[in-house]
């Protein structure tokens, strides 16, 4: 069988670790020329080395519109187009309502929501009929989770963007879908605002207790869902939210 993304350009925003890196590897294995972005140059260098020849790393903070512009300029110059855009970059937070500051709120929205919107906006000139966009949300937007209100609001916004982007771009032949992971084993758990190292083991126990499959997901499992939505196998699918959560948000 011919690789699903042979000769295509796949851009993974936040592709230097976790779900993004797993997705970048999967796109490359399926024949894509892969671009990964992130804010940390060291992890970007390791990501490109692991993905292999033909991949491209570009440092980009999606909360900064000038950096998104620079990213798109580099893609235009070096690759000429985008066939698949997986907007995966995001930050987490578990903060009680009373403790959320304006800085906390603005940080979450700048990366998780503003960054998603303007990344898609600025990528569109490089996309044509047959292209696909996948946005990474979270089951946090569907479930009531104590201390998760600000994060959930940002991810609910991502789900809303996916639905509205899909409606607006369907006439151009560009499909837009959302993938919403549940508890997944990624490095972000150690970088989540409001989550101390001492709290992590208890959080894992709570996650497992609330997940019918009684295990954490793997980044590769979310990657496979993202690749499906981006592929021609999903050619009649747009505007959906695919839950990859071991049943956590469904029963």
Protein backbone atom coordinates (compact mmCIF):
# COMPACT_ATOMS: atom_id res chain seq x y z
CA UNK A 1 0.00 0.00 0.00
CA UNK A 2 1.16 3.51 -0.77
CA UNK A 3 1.84 5.63 2.32
CA UNK A 4 -1.14 7.86 3.12
CA UNK A 5 0.92 11.07 3.17
CA UNK A 6 3.40 10.36 0.39
CA UNK A 7 4.77 13.62 -1.09
CA UNK A 8 2.67 15.71 1.32
CA UNK A 9 3.83 18.44 3.69
CA UNK A 10 2.62 17.92 7.26
CA UNK A 11 3.12 20.69 9.82
CA UNK A 12 2.88 19.72 13.49
CA UNK A 13 2.59 22.73 15.79
CA UNK A 14 4.05 21.70 19.13
CA UNK A 15 5.80 18.74 17.55
CA UNK A 16 8.85 18.55 19.78
CA UNK A 17 7.44 16.26 22.49
CA UNK A 18 4.51 14.11 23.57
CA UNK A 19 1.55 13.77 21.21
CA UNK A 20 3.07 16.17 18.70
CA UNK A 21 6.34 14.27 18.42
CA UNK A 22 4.54 10.93 18.15
CA UNK A 23 2.41 12.42 15.36
CA UNK A 24 5.45 13.84 13.56
CA UNK A 25 7.07 10.40 13.58
CA UNK A 26 3.87 8.82 12.30
CA UNK A 27 3.48 11.35 9.46
CA UNK A 28 7.10 10.78 8.44
CA UNK A 29 6.67 7.01 8.43
CA UNK A 30 3.71 7.51 6.10
CA UNK A 31 5.78 9.46 3.59
CA UNK A 32 5.25 13.09 4.62
CA UNK A 33 7.79 15.87 4.67
CA UNK A 34 7.36 16.96 8.28
CA UNK A 35 7.73 20.39 9.88
CA UNK A 36 7.76 20.53 13.69
CA UNK A 37 7.55 23.62 15.84
CA UNK A 38 8.06 24.36 19.52
CA UNK A 39 9.51 26.92 21.88
CA UNK A 40 12.53 24.94 23.08
CA UNK A 41 15.44 24.71 20.63
CA UNK A 42 17.06 21.74 22.38
CA UNK A 43 13.98 19.52 22.15
CA UNK A 44 13.39 20.68 18.58
CA UNK A 45 16.91 19.57 17.63
CA UNK A 46 16.34 16.17 19.22
CA UNK A 47 12.98 15.87 17.50
CA UNK A 48 14.41 16.51 14.03
CA UNK A 49 17.27 14.06 14.66
CA UNK A 50 14.79 11.36 15.65
CA UNK A 51 12.35 12.01 12.80
CA UNK A 52 15.11 11.82 10.22
CA UNK A 53 16.07 13.23 6.86
CA UNK A 54 13.73 15.71 5.24
CA UNK A 55 12.21 17.02 8.46
CA UNK A 56 12.38 20.67 9.41
CA UNK A 57 12.28 22.30 12.85
CA UNK A 58 11.24 25.91 13.34
CA UNK A 59 11.20 27.61 16.71
CA UNK A 60 7.83 29.28 17.16
CA UNK A 61 5.81 30.54 20.10
CA UNK A 62 2.22 30.50 18.85
CA UNK A 63 1.19 33.15 21.35
CA UNK A 64 3.32 35.59 19.31
CA UNK A 65 1.81 36.48 15.94
CA UNK A 66 5.11 37.70 14.52
CA UNK A 67 6.62 34.30 15.17
CA UNK A 68 3.70 32.59 13.42
CA UNK A 69 4.28 34.90 10.44
CA UNK A 70 7.97 33.95 10.41
CA UNK A 71 7.07 30.26 10.56
CA UNK A 72 4.74 30.52 7.57
CA UNK A 73 7.32 32.52 5.63
CA UNK A 74 9.90 29.79 6.21
CA UNK A 75 7.49 27.05 5.16
CA UNK A 76 6.55 29.04 2.04
CA UNK A 77 10.20 29.54 1.12
CA UNK A 78 11.40 25.99 1.79
CA UNK A 79 8.37 23.82 1.02
CA UNK A 80 5.85 25.99 -0.78
CA UNK A 81 2.66 24.62 0.73
CA UNK A 82 0.92 22.90 3.64
CA UNK A 83 -1.15 19.77 3.00
CA UNK A 84 -1.77 18.85 6.65
CA UNK A 85 -1.79 21.16 9.66
CA UNK A 86 -1.95 19.58 13.12
CA UNK A 87 -2.29 22.37 15.68
CA UNK A 88 -1.17 20.55 18.80
CA UNK A 89 0.64 23.15 20.93
CA UNK A 90 -0.95 23.78 24.30
CA UNK A 91 -0.35 24.44 28.00
CA UNK A 92 -2.18 23.03 31.00
CA UNK A 93 -3.31 24.33 34.38
CA UNK A 94 -5.07 23.05 37.48
CA UNK A 95 -5.89 26.18 39.49
CA UNK A 96 -8.79 26.75 41.92
CA UNK A 97 -11.22 29.43 40.79
CA UNK A 98 -10.21 31.87 43.53
CA UNK A 99 -6.52 31.49 42.70
CA UNK A 100 -6.69 32.11 38.93
CA UNK A 101 -4.93 35.37 38.09
CA UNK A 102 -5.30 37.52 35.01
CA UNK A 103 -1.79 36.39 34.05
CA UNK A 104 -2.82 32.73 34.33
CA UNK A 105 -5.92 33.34 32.21
CA UNK A 106 -4.08 35.31 29.55
CA UNK A 107 -1.29 32.71 29.31
CA UNK A 108 -3.74 29.86 28.77
CA UNK A 109 -5.80 31.73 26.20
CA UNK A 110 -2.76 33.10 24.36
CA UNK A 111 -1.38 29.64 23.64
CA UNK A 112 -4.43 27.37 23.68
CA UNK A 113 -6.91 29.60 21.87
CA UNK A 114 -5.39 32.69 20.28
CA UNK A 115 -2.45 30.66 19.05
CA UNK A 116 -4.75 28.09 17.46
CA UNK A 117 -6.88 30.69 15.70
CA UNK A 118 -4.04 32.70 14.23
CA UNK A 119 -1.96 29.66 13.27
CA UNK A 120 -4.85 28.46 11.14
CA UNK A 121 -5.52 31.95 9.78
CA UNK A 122 -1.92 32.44 8.71
CA UNK A 123 -1.55 28.91 7.31
CA UNK A 124 -4.55 29.17 4.98
CA UNK A 125 -2.73 30.96 2.14
CA UNK A 126 -0.47 27.90 1.93
CA UNK A 127 -3.36 25.42 1.86
CA UNK A 128 -5.50 24.37 -1.07
CA UNK A 129 -8.37 22.03 -1.91
CA UNK A 130 -7.79 18.60 -0.38
CA UNK A 131 -5.82 19.91 2.61
CA UNK A 132 -6.75 18.96 6.15
CA UNK A 133 -6.55 20.65 9.54
CA UNK A 134 -6.65 18.85 12.89
CA UNK A 135 -6.91 20.76 16.17
CA UNK A 136 -5.93 19.22 19.51
CA UNK A 137 -8.48 19.98 22.23
CA UNK A 138 -9.13 17.90 25.37
CA UNK A 139 -11.93 16.04 27.10
CA UNK A 140 -11.52 18.83 29.66
CA UNK A 141 -14.03 20.84 27.65
CA UNK A 142 -16.66 18.10 28.09
CA UNK A 143 -16.18 17.18 31.74
CA UNK A 144 -16.43 19.15 34.95
CA UNK A 145 -13.03 18.85 36.59
CA UNK A 146 -12.26 20.66 39.88
CA UNK A 147 -9.55 23.34 39.39
CA UNK A 148 -9.81 22.91 35.60
CA UNK A 149 -12.14 25.79 34.71
CA UNK A 150 -9.68 28.13 32.97
CA UNK A 151 -8.03 25.30 31.02
CA UNK A 152 -11.43 23.85 30.08
CA UNK A 153 -12.59 27.24 28.79
CA UNK A 154 -9.59 27.44 26.46
CA UNK A 155 -10.16 23.92 25.17
CA UNK A 156 -13.90 24.48 24.73
CA UNK A 157 -12.87 27.38 22.53
CA UNK A 158 -10.71 25.06 20.44
CA UNK A 159 -13.67 22.73 19.93
CA UNK A 160 -15.80 25.70 18.86
CA UNK A 161 -13.10 26.84 16.44
CA UNK A 162 -12.98 23.38 14.89
CA UNK A 163 -16.70 23.38 14.21
CA UNK A 164 -16.75 26.91 12.82
CA UNK A 165 -13.56 26.57 10.77
CA UNK A 166 -15.04 23.43 9.23
CA UNK A 167 -18.22 25.27 8.24
CA UNK A 168 -16.30 28.19 6.76
CA UNK A 169 -13.70 26.17 4.86
CA UNK A 170 -15.81 23.32 3.52
CA UNK A 171 -16.46 25.26 0.32
CA UNK A 172 -12.72 25.51 -0.26
CA UNK A 173 -12.33 21.76 0.04
CA UNK A 174 -10.39 21.99 3.33
CA UNK A 175 -11.54 19.63 6.08
CA UNK A 176 -11.22 20.62 9.76
CA UNK A 177 -11.58 18.20 12.67
CA UNK A 178 -10.75 18.06 16.36
CA UNK A 179 -9.14 15.34 18.44
CA UNK A 180 -9.78 15.43 22.19
CA UNK A 181 -7.43 13.28 24.28
CA UNK A 182 -8.15 12.11 27.78
CA UNK A 183 -5.41 11.15 30.25
CA UNK A 184 -2.28 10.58 28.17
CA UNK A 185 1.25 9.91 29.36
CA UNK A 186 3.17 12.96 28.14
CA UNK A 187 5.78 15.37 29.57
CA UNK A 188 3.17 18.12 29.92
CA UNK A 189 1.97 16.63 33.20
CA UNK A 190 5.23 17.75 34.80
CA UNK A 191 4.86 21.30 33.41
CA UNK A 192 1.26 21.97 34.37
CA UNK A 193 0.65 25.16 36.34
CA UNK A 194 -0.86 24.46 39.74
CA UNK A 195 0.30 20.83 39.80
CA UNK A 196 3.16 20.25 42.22
CA UNK A 197 5.42 17.18 41.84
CA UNK A 198 3.96 15.81 45.07
CA UNK A 199 0.44 16.03 43.60
CA UNK A 200 1.21 14.10 40.40
CA UNK A 201 0.94 10.53 41.82
CA UNK A 202 -2.47 11.30 43.33
CA UNK A 203 -3.63 12.89 40.06
CA UNK A 204 -2.62 9.74 38.17
CA UNK A 205 -4.66 7.64 40.59
CA UNK A 206 -7.67 9.89 40.07
CA UNK A 207 -7.27 9.75 36.28
CA UNK A 208 -7.10 5.95 36.28
CA UNK A 209 -10.11 5.70 38.59
CA UNK A 210 -12.15 7.89 36.22
CA UNK A 211 -11.06 6.10 33.02
CA UNK A 212 -13.08 2.97 32.19
CA UNK A 213 -10.06 1.34 30.50
CA UNK A 214 -8.08 1.86 33.75
CA UNK A 215 -4.89 3.02 32.08
CA UNK A 216 -3.23 6.12 30.69
CA UNK A 217 -3.24 6.59 26.96
CA UNK A 218 -0.07 6.62 24.87
CA UNK A 219 0.90 9.55 22.63
CA UNK A 220 0.96 7.17 19.66
CA UNK A 221 -2.72 6.36 20.22
CA UNK A 222 -3.68 10.02 19.85
CA UNK A 223 -1.30 10.32 16.89
CA UNK A 224 -3.11 7.53 15.06
CA UNK A 225 -6.42 9.35 15.53
CA UNK A 226 -4.95 12.61 14.25
CA UNK A 227 -3.47 10.88 11.21
CA UNK A 228 -6.81 9.25 10.41
CA UNK A 229 -8.61 12.60 10.52
CA UNK A 230 -5.91 14.16 8.33
CA UNK A 231 -5.93 11.34 5.78
CA UNK A 232 -8.09 10.61 2.76
CA UNK A 233 -9.64 7.79 4.80
CA UNK A 234 -11.61 10.56 6.52
CA UNK A 235 -12.53 12.29 3.25
CA UNK A 236 -16.23 12.58 4.21
CA UNK A 237 -15.56 13.73 7.77
CA UNK A 238 -15.38 17.36 8.83
CA UNK A 239 -16.35 19.27 11.96
CA UNK A 240 -16.17 16.28 14.31
CA UNK A 241 -14.54 15.91 17.73
CA UNK A 242 -12.89 12.50 18.07
CA UNK A 243 -12.45 11.48 21.72
CA UNK A 244 -9.31 9.44 22.47
CA UNK A 245 -9.83 8.93 26.17
CA UNK A 246 -10.39 5.30 27.14
CA UNK A 247 -14.09 6.08 27.60
CA UNK A 248 -13.52 8.74 30.26
CA UNK A 249 -15.92 11.31 28.78
CA UNK A 250 -18.51 8.86 27.48
CA UNK A 251 -19.55 6.64 30.39
